[in-house]
């Protein structure tokens, strides 16, 4: 569970129909399953850190504190610059993991809340969830 009972309740109160209507695209089934099953509360406070063995560069770095509420309330006061994205997870520092409807939610991006910059992680949502699950088991 998250650090906030209030946030837990908001996350439990998902409304995929609203999100799909608001953003104009279906929410990926793997994300729906994650929320519907309650697994979102098992996959919190996880760091995925895959380094390139040859050069020591990060191939993939994900720091996930918690999953975001997916409901109308969340989109009534979104972080500026994220109004039209599927904002599904955050790192605990205000940065978000998002997917764009115009990309059919195919690519996960990291949204830096201080600069408003988006950086593609070059993975899709099922891969993102799979990596978080994998590192949760380690």
N, C-alpha and C. Protein backbone atom coordinates (compact mmCIF):
# COMPACT_ATOMS: atom_id res chain seq x y z
N UNK A 1 0.83 -1.18 0.00
CA UNK A 1 0.00 0.00 0.00
C UNK A 1 0.88 1.25 0.00
N UNK A 2 0.34 2.31 -0.54
CA UNK A 2 1.07 3.57 -0.60
C UNK A 2 1.20 4.16 0.80
N UNK A 3 1.90 5.25 0.89
CA UNK A 3 2.07 5.92 2.18
C UNK A 3 0.81 6.64 2.62
N UNK A 4 -0.13 6.80 1.72
CA UNK A 4 -1.34 7.58 2.01
C UNK A 4 -2.59 6.72 1.80
N UNK A 5 -3.39 6.59 2.83
CA UNK A 5 -4.65 5.85 2.71
C UNK A 5 -5.56 6.54 1.70
N UNK A 6 -5.52 7.87 1.67
CA UNK A 6 -6.32 8.64 0.72
C UNK A 6 -5.92 8.31 -0.72
N UNK A 7 -4.61 8.23 -0.98
CA UNK A 7 -4.14 7.88 -2.32
C UNK A 7 -4.55 6.46 -2.67
N UNK A 8 -4.45 5.54 -1.72
CA UNK A 8 -4.89 4.16 -1.96
C UNK A 8 -6.34 4.13 -2.43
N UNK A 9 -7.19 4.88 -1.76
CA UNK A 9 -8.61 4.91 -2.12
C UNK A 9 -8.80 5.46 -3.53
N UNK A 10 -8.04 6.49 -3.87
CA UNK A 10 -8.15 7.07 -5.21
C UNK A 10 -7.70 6.07 -6.27
N UNK A 11 -6.64 5.32 -5.98
CA UNK A 11 -6.15 4.32 -6.93
C UNK A 11 -7.17 3.19 -7.08
N UNK A 12 -7.80 2.78 -6.00
CA UNK A 12 -8.82 1.73 -6.04
C UNK A 12 -10.06 2.17 -6.81
N UNK A 13 -10.27 3.47 -6.91
CA UNK A 13 -11.46 4.04 -7.52
C UNK A 13 -11.25 4.32 -9.01
N UNK A 14 -10.65 3.36 -9.72
CA UNK A 14 -10.36 3.56 -11.15
C UNK A 14 -11.65 3.60 -11.96
N UNK A 15 -11.58 4.32 -13.09
CA UNK A 15 -12.73 4.45 -13.99
C UNK A 15 -12.19 4.43 -15.42
N UNK A 16 -12.00 3.22 -15.94
CA UNK A 16 -11.41 3.08 -17.27
C UNK A 16 -12.31 3.66 -18.35
N UNK A 17 -13.63 3.57 -18.18
CA UNK A 17 -14.55 4.13 -19.18
C UNK A 17 -14.33 5.64 -19.31
N UNK A 18 -14.19 6.31 -18.18
CA UNK A 18 -13.95 7.76 -18.22
C UNK A 18 -12.63 8.06 -18.92
N UNK A 19 -11.57 7.36 -18.54
CA UNK A 19 -10.24 7.60 -19.13
C UNK A 19 -10.29 7.38 -20.63
N UNK A 20 -10.93 6.30 -21.06
CA UNK A 20 -11.00 6.01 -22.49
C UNK A 20 -11.80 7.07 -23.24
N UNK A 21 -12.88 7.54 -22.64
CA UNK A 21 -13.67 8.60 -23.26
C UNK A 21 -12.89 9.90 -23.30
N UNK A 22 -12.23 10.24 -22.22
CA UNK A 22 -11.48 11.49 -22.11
C UNK A 22 -10.29 11.53 -23.06
N UNK A 23 -9.54 10.43 -23.13
CA UNK A 23 -8.33 10.40 -23.95
C UNK A 23 -8.56 9.87 -25.36
N UNK A 24 -9.72 9.24 -25.61
CA UNK A 24 -10.06 8.80 -26.95
C UNK A 24 -9.39 7.51 -27.40
N UNK A 25 -8.84 6.74 -26.48
CA UNK A 25 -8.20 5.47 -26.81
C UNK A 25 -8.48 4.47 -25.69
N UNK A 26 -8.52 3.18 -26.02
CA UNK A 26 -8.71 2.19 -24.96
C UNK A 26 -7.47 2.08 -24.07
N UNK A 27 -7.71 1.93 -22.78
CA UNK A 27 -6.63 1.68 -21.83
C UNK A 27 -6.12 0.26 -22.10
N UNK A 28 -4.81 0.08 -22.20
CA UNK A 28 -4.27 -1.27 -22.46
C UNK A 28 -4.78 -2.29 -21.43
N UNK A 29 -5.14 -3.47 -21.92
CA UNK A 29 -5.73 -4.50 -21.06
C UNK A 29 -4.82 -4.90 -19.91
N UNK A 30 -3.51 -4.90 -20.13
CA UNK A 30 -2.58 -5.28 -19.05
C UNK A 30 -2.63 -4.27 -17.91
N UNK A 31 -2.86 -3.01 -18.22
CA UNK A 31 -2.96 -1.98 -17.18
C UNK A 31 -4.29 -2.12 -16.43
N UNK A 32 -5.36 -2.42 -17.19
CA UNK A 32 -6.65 -2.66 -16.54
C UNK A 32 -6.56 -3.83 -15.56
N UNK A 33 -5.90 -4.89 -15.99
CA UNK A 33 -5.75 -6.07 -15.14
C UNK A 33 -4.95 -5.75 -13.88
N UNK A 34 -3.91 -4.96 -14.04
CA UNK A 34 -3.05 -4.58 -12.91
C UNK A 34 -3.86 -3.85 -11.83
N UNK A 35 -4.72 -2.93 -12.27
CA UNK A 35 -5.55 -2.17 -11.33
C UNK A 35 -6.69 -3.04 -10.78
N UNK A 36 -7.36 -3.77 -11.66
CA UNK A 36 -8.51 -4.58 -11.24
C UNK A 36 -8.13 -5.66 -10.24
N UNK A 37 -6.95 -6.23 -10.40
CA UNK A 37 -6.49 -7.31 -9.52
C UNK A 37 -5.94 -6.80 -8.18
N UNK A 38 -5.65 -5.50 -8.12
CA UNK A 38 -5.03 -4.94 -6.92
C UNK A 38 -3.52 -5.07 -6.90
N UNK A 39 -2.96 -5.63 -7.97
CA UNK A 39 -1.51 -5.82 -8.03
C UNK A 39 -0.76 -4.48 -7.99
N UNK A 40 -1.44 -3.40 -8.31
CA UNK A 40 -0.80 -2.08 -8.24
C UNK A 40 -0.21 -1.81 -6.86
N UNK A 41 -0.79 -2.40 -5.84
CA UNK A 41 -0.31 -2.18 -4.47
C UNK A 41 0.85 -3.10 -4.10
N UNK A 42 1.08 -4.13 -4.91
CA UNK A 42 2.22 -5.02 -4.69
C UNK A 42 3.46 -4.52 -5.43
N UNK A 43 3.25 -3.72 -6.44
CA UNK A 43 4.35 -3.25 -7.30
C UNK A 43 4.63 -1.78 -7.04
N UNK A 44 4.99 -1.46 -5.82
CA UNK A 44 5.31 -0.09 -5.43
C UNK A 44 6.72 -0.05 -4.84
N UNK A 45 7.31 1.14 -4.88
CA UNK A 45 8.65 1.35 -4.31
C UNK A 45 9.66 0.36 -4.89
N UNK A 46 9.69 0.33 -6.22
CA UNK A 46 10.56 -0.59 -6.95
C UNK A 46 11.46 0.22 -7.87
N UNK A 47 12.70 -0.18 -7.93
CA UNK A 47 13.65 0.42 -8.88
C UNK A 47 14.09 -0.65 -9.86
N UNK A 48 13.92 -0.35 -11.14
CA UNK A 48 14.44 -1.19 -12.23
C UNK A 48 15.68 -0.48 -12.73
N UNK A 49 16.81 -1.16 -12.71
CA UNK A 49 18.07 -0.55 -13.14
C UNK A 49 18.85 -1.55 -13.98
N UNK A 50 18.64 -1.48 -15.28
CA UNK A 50 19.34 -2.37 -16.20
C UNK A 50 20.47 -1.60 -16.85
N UNK A 51 21.69 -2.05 -16.58
CA UNK A 51 22.87 -1.37 -17.11
C UNK A 51 23.44 -2.12 -18.31
N UNK A 52 24.05 -1.36 -19.19
CA UNK A 52 24.77 -1.92 -20.33
C UNK A 52 26.11 -2.44 -19.78
N UNK A 53 26.35 -3.72 -19.90
CA UNK A 53 27.57 -4.32 -19.36
C UNK A 53 28.84 -3.74 -19.95
N UNK A 54 28.84 -3.43 -21.23
CA UNK A 54 30.06 -2.97 -21.90
C UNK A 54 30.48 -1.56 -21.48
N UNK A 55 29.53 -0.65 -21.39
CA UNK A 55 29.87 0.75 -21.13
C UNK A 55 29.36 1.26 -19.79
N UNK A 56 28.57 0.47 -19.10
CA UNK A 56 28.04 0.89 -17.81
C UNK A 56 26.92 1.90 -17.90
N UNK A 57 26.38 2.12 -19.08
CA UNK A 57 25.27 3.06 -19.25
C UNK A 57 23.95 2.38 -18.91
N UNK A 58 23.03 3.16 -18.38
CA UNK A 58 21.71 2.62 -18.10
C UNK A 58 20.98 2.32 -19.41
N UNK A 59 20.52 1.09 -19.56
CA UNK A 59 19.65 0.75 -20.67
C UNK A 59 18.21 1.10 -20.33
N UNK A 60 17.88 0.89 -19.06
CA UNK A 60 16.53 1.18 -18.61
C UNK A 60 16.59 1.49 -17.12
N UNK A 61 16.02 2.62 -16.74
CA UNK A 61 15.94 2.98 -15.33
C UNK A 61 14.52 3.43 -15.03
N UNK A 62 13.88 2.72 -14.12
CA UNK A 62 12.53 3.05 -13.69
C UNK A 62 12.53 3.08 -12.17
N UNK A 63 12.12 4.18 -11.61
CA UNK A 63 11.91 4.27 -10.16
C UNK A 63 10.42 4.53 -9.97
N UNK A 64 9.72 3.55 -9.45
CA UNK A 64 8.28 3.69 -9.32
C UNK A 64 7.90 3.67 -7.84
N UNK A 65 7.34 4.77 -7.39
CA UNK A 65 6.86 4.86 -6.01
C UNK A 65 5.45 4.28 -5.92
N UNK A 66 4.60 4.71 -6.83
CA UNK A 66 3.23 4.19 -6.85
C UNK A 66 2.61 4.42 -8.22
N UNK A 67 1.50 3.76 -8.43
CA UNK A 67 0.71 3.91 -9.64
C UNK A 67 -0.26 5.07 -9.43
N UNK A 68 -0.62 5.71 -10.49
CA UNK A 68 -1.48 6.89 -10.41
C UNK A 68 -2.96 6.51 -10.44
N UNK A 69 -3.81 7.30 -9.78
CA UNK A 69 -5.24 7.09 -9.91
C UNK A 69 -5.67 7.28 -11.37
N UNK A 70 -6.48 6.38 -11.87
CA UNK A 70 -7.00 6.49 -13.23
C UNK A 70 -8.50 6.72 -13.14
N UNK A 71 -8.87 7.99 -12.92
CA UNK A 71 -10.27 8.34 -12.81
C UNK A 71 -10.46 9.83 -13.11
N UNK A 72 -11.70 10.25 -13.13
CA UNK A 72 -12.02 11.64 -13.48
C UNK A 72 -11.37 12.64 -12.53
N UNK A 73 -11.37 12.33 -11.25
CA UNK A 73 -10.79 13.25 -10.27
C UNK A 73 -9.33 13.56 -10.60
N UNK A 74 -8.60 12.55 -11.02
CA UNK A 74 -7.17 12.73 -11.35
C UNK A 74 -7.00 13.71 -12.51
N UNK A 75 -7.93 13.70 -13.45
CA UNK A 75 -7.80 14.56 -14.63
C UNK A 75 -8.46 15.92 -14.45
N UNK A 76 -9.09 16.17 -13.32
CA UNK A 76 -9.66 17.49 -13.06
C UNK A 76 -8.57 18.50 -12.72
N UNK A 77 -7.50 18.03 -12.10
CA UNK A 77 -6.37 18.91 -11.75
C UNK A 77 -5.05 18.21 -12.08
N UNK A 78 -4.79 17.98 -13.36
CA UNK A 78 -3.56 17.28 -13.72
C UNK A 78 -2.34 18.21 -13.61
N UNK A 79 -1.19 17.60 -13.54
CA UNK A 79 0.04 18.39 -13.55
C UNK A 79 0.13 19.07 -14.91
N UNK A 80 0.48 20.36 -14.96
CA UNK A 80 0.56 21.06 -16.24
C UNK A 80 1.45 20.32 -17.24
N UNK A 81 0.91 20.15 -18.43
CA UNK A 81 1.63 19.46 -19.48
C UNK A 81 1.27 17.99 -19.61
N UNK A 82 0.45 17.49 -18.67
CA UNK A 82 0.08 16.06 -18.72
C UNK A 82 -1.41 15.86 -18.96
N UNK A 83 -2.10 16.91 -19.31
CA UNK A 83 -3.56 16.88 -19.41
C UNK A 83 -4.09 15.83 -20.38
N UNK A 84 -3.38 15.58 -21.45
CA UNK A 84 -3.88 14.69 -22.51
C UNK A 84 -3.08 13.40 -22.62
N UNK A 85 -2.44 13.00 -21.53
CA UNK A 85 -1.66 11.76 -21.51
C UNK A 85 -2.29 10.77 -20.55
N UNK A 86 -1.98 9.50 -20.76
CA UNK A 86 -2.33 8.47 -19.81
C UNK A 86 -1.22 8.46 -18.76
N UNK A 87 -1.49 9.06 -17.62
CA UNK A 87 -0.51 9.19 -16.53
C UNK A 87 -0.74 8.02 -15.59
N UNK A 88 0.12 7.01 -15.64
CA UNK A 88 -0.20 5.79 -14.90
C UNK A 88 0.73 5.45 -13.75
N UNK A 89 1.88 6.10 -13.63
CA UNK A 89 2.77 5.80 -12.50
C UNK A 89 3.63 7.03 -12.22
N UNK A 90 4.20 7.08 -11.01
CA UNK A 90 5.07 8.20 -10.67
C UNK A 90 6.21 7.72 -9.78
N UNK A 91 7.24 8.54 -9.72
CA UNK A 91 8.49 8.14 -9.05
C UNK A 91 8.64 8.66 -7.62
N UNK A 92 7.65 9.33 -7.10
CA UNK A 92 7.73 9.85 -5.74
C UNK A 92 8.31 11.24 -5.66
N UNK A 93 8.82 11.74 -6.78
CA UNK A 93 9.38 13.10 -6.82
C UNK A 93 8.55 14.02 -7.71
N UNK A 94 7.41 13.54 -8.16
CA UNK A 94 6.55 14.34 -9.01
C UNK A 94 6.68 14.04 -10.49
N UNK A 95 7.64 13.20 -10.86
CA UNK A 95 7.81 12.82 -12.26
C UNK A 95 6.88 11.65 -12.57
N UNK A 96 6.41 11.62 -13.80
CA UNK A 96 5.39 10.64 -14.18
C UNK A 96 5.86 9.73 -15.30
N UNK A 97 5.27 8.55 -15.33
CA UNK A 97 5.39 7.65 -16.47
C UNK A 97 4.07 7.75 -17.20
N UNK A 98 4.15 8.09 -18.48
CA UNK A 98 2.94 8.38 -19.25
C UNK A 98 2.99 7.65 -20.59
N UNK A 99 1.83 7.60 -21.24
CA UNK A 99 1.74 7.13 -22.62
C UNK A 99 0.82 8.09 -23.36
N UNK A 100 1.09 8.28 -24.64
CA UNK A 100 0.35 9.26 -25.43
C UNK A 100 -0.78 8.58 -26.22
N UNK A 101 -1.98 9.17 -26.19
CA UNK A 101 -3.07 8.59 -26.98
C UNK A 101 -2.78 8.62 -28.48
N UNK A 102 -2.08 9.66 -28.95
CA UNK A 102 -1.79 9.73 -30.39
C UNK A 102 -0.81 8.64 -30.84
N UNK A 103 -0.17 7.98 -29.89
CA UNK A 103 0.69 6.82 -30.17
C UNK A 103 -0.02 5.52 -29.78
N UNK A 104 -1.34 5.61 -29.57
CA UNK A 104 -2.15 4.47 -29.14
C UNK A 104 -1.61 3.83 -27.87
N UNK A 105 -1.00 4.65 -27.02
CA UNK A 105 -0.41 4.20 -25.75
C UNK A 105 0.65 3.12 -25.97
N UNK A 106 1.32 3.17 -27.13
CA UNK A 106 2.31 2.15 -27.48
C UNK A 106 3.66 2.36 -26.81
N UNK A 107 4.02 3.61 -26.48
CA UNK A 107 5.36 3.90 -25.96
C UNK A 107 5.24 4.56 -24.59
N UNK A 108 6.05 4.09 -23.65
CA UNK A 108 6.09 4.71 -22.32
C UNK A 108 7.11 5.84 -22.34
N UNK A 109 6.73 6.97 -21.78
CA UNK A 109 7.60 8.14 -21.68
C UNK A 109 7.77 8.51 -20.21
N UNK A 110 8.90 9.11 -19.91
CA UNK A 110 9.17 9.68 -18.59
C UNK A 110 8.93 11.18 -18.69
N UNK A 111 8.04 11.71 -17.87
CA UNK A 111 7.71 13.13 -17.86
C UNK A 111 8.41 13.78 -16.68
N UNK A 112 9.35 14.69 -16.97
CA UNK A 112 10.06 15.43 -15.93
C UNK A 112 9.20 16.62 -15.52
N UNK A 113 8.71 16.61 -14.29
CA UNK A 113 7.77 17.65 -13.86
C UNK A 113 8.42 19.02 -13.72
N UNK A 114 9.74 19.08 -13.59
CA UNK A 114 10.40 20.38 -13.45
C UNK A 114 10.61 21.06 -14.79
N UNK A 115 10.88 20.28 -15.83
CA UNK A 115 11.17 20.87 -17.14
C UNK A 115 10.03 20.69 -18.13
N UNK A 116 9.13 19.74 -17.87
CA UNK A 116 8.07 19.43 -18.82
C UNK A 116 8.54 18.58 -19.98
N UNK A 117 9.79 18.12 -19.92
CA UNK A 117 10.34 17.32 -21.01
C UNK A 117 9.87 15.87 -20.91
N UNK A 118 9.68 15.28 -22.08
CA UNK A 118 9.33 13.88 -22.19
C UNK A 118 10.52 13.11 -22.75
N UNK A 119 10.81 11.97 -22.15
CA UNK A 119 11.87 11.11 -22.65
C UNK A 119 11.28 9.72 -22.88
N UNK A 120 11.40 9.23 -24.10
CA UNK A 120 10.89 7.90 -24.41
C UNK A 120 11.75 6.84 -23.72
N UNK A 121 11.10 5.86 -23.12
CA UNK A 121 11.81 4.72 -22.55
C UNK A 121 12.01 3.62 -23.59
N UNK A 122 11.41 3.81 -24.76
CA UNK A 122 11.50 2.85 -25.86
C UNK A 122 10.98 1.47 -25.49
N UNK A 123 9.95 1.45 -24.64
CA UNK A 123 9.26 0.21 -24.30
C UNK A 123 7.77 0.50 -24.26
N UNK A 124 6.96 -0.57 -24.38
CA UNK A 124 5.52 -0.39 -24.29
C UNK A 124 5.04 -0.68 -22.86
N UNK A 125 3.77 -0.48 -22.61
CA UNK A 125 3.24 -0.66 -21.25
C UNK A 125 3.37 -2.11 -20.78
N UNK A 126 3.05 -3.13 -21.60
CA UNK A 126 3.25 -4.50 -21.12
C UNK A 126 4.70 -4.79 -20.72
N UNK A 127 5.65 -4.27 -21.48
CA UNK A 127 7.06 -4.47 -21.14
C UNK A 127 7.40 -3.73 -19.85
N UNK A 128 6.91 -2.51 -19.71
CA UNK A 128 7.11 -1.72 -18.48
C UNK A 128 6.63 -2.51 -17.26
N UNK A 129 5.40 -3.00 -17.33
CA UNK A 129 4.84 -3.77 -16.22
C UNK A 129 5.66 -5.03 -15.98
N UNK A 130 6.05 -5.70 -17.05
CA UNK A 130 6.86 -6.91 -16.92
C UNK A 130 8.18 -6.66 -16.23
N UNK A 131 8.83 -5.55 -16.57
CA UNK A 131 10.12 -5.21 -15.94
C UNK A 131 9.92 -4.91 -14.45
N UNK A 132 8.86 -4.19 -14.12
CA UNK A 132 8.59 -3.88 -12.71
C UNK A 132 8.31 -5.18 -11.94
N UNK A 133 7.54 -6.09 -12.53
CA UNK A 133 7.28 -7.39 -11.88
C UNK A 133 8.58 -8.17 -11.69
N UNK A 134 9.40 -8.19 -12.72
CA UNK A 134 10.66 -8.93 -12.67
C UNK A 134 11.56 -8.42 -11.55
N UNK A 135 11.70 -7.11 -11.45
CA UNK A 135 12.58 -6.53 -10.43
C UNK A 135 11.95 -6.61 -9.04
N UNK A 136 10.64 -6.74 -8.96
CA UNK A 136 9.97 -6.93 -7.68
C UNK A 136 10.30 -8.31 -7.10
N UNK A 137 10.54 -9.27 -7.97
CA UNK A 137 10.84 -10.64 -7.53
C UNK A 137 12.28 -10.78 -7.07
N UNK A 138 13.15 -9.88 -7.52
CA UNK A 138 14.57 -9.98 -7.15
C UNK A 138 14.83 -9.60 -5.71
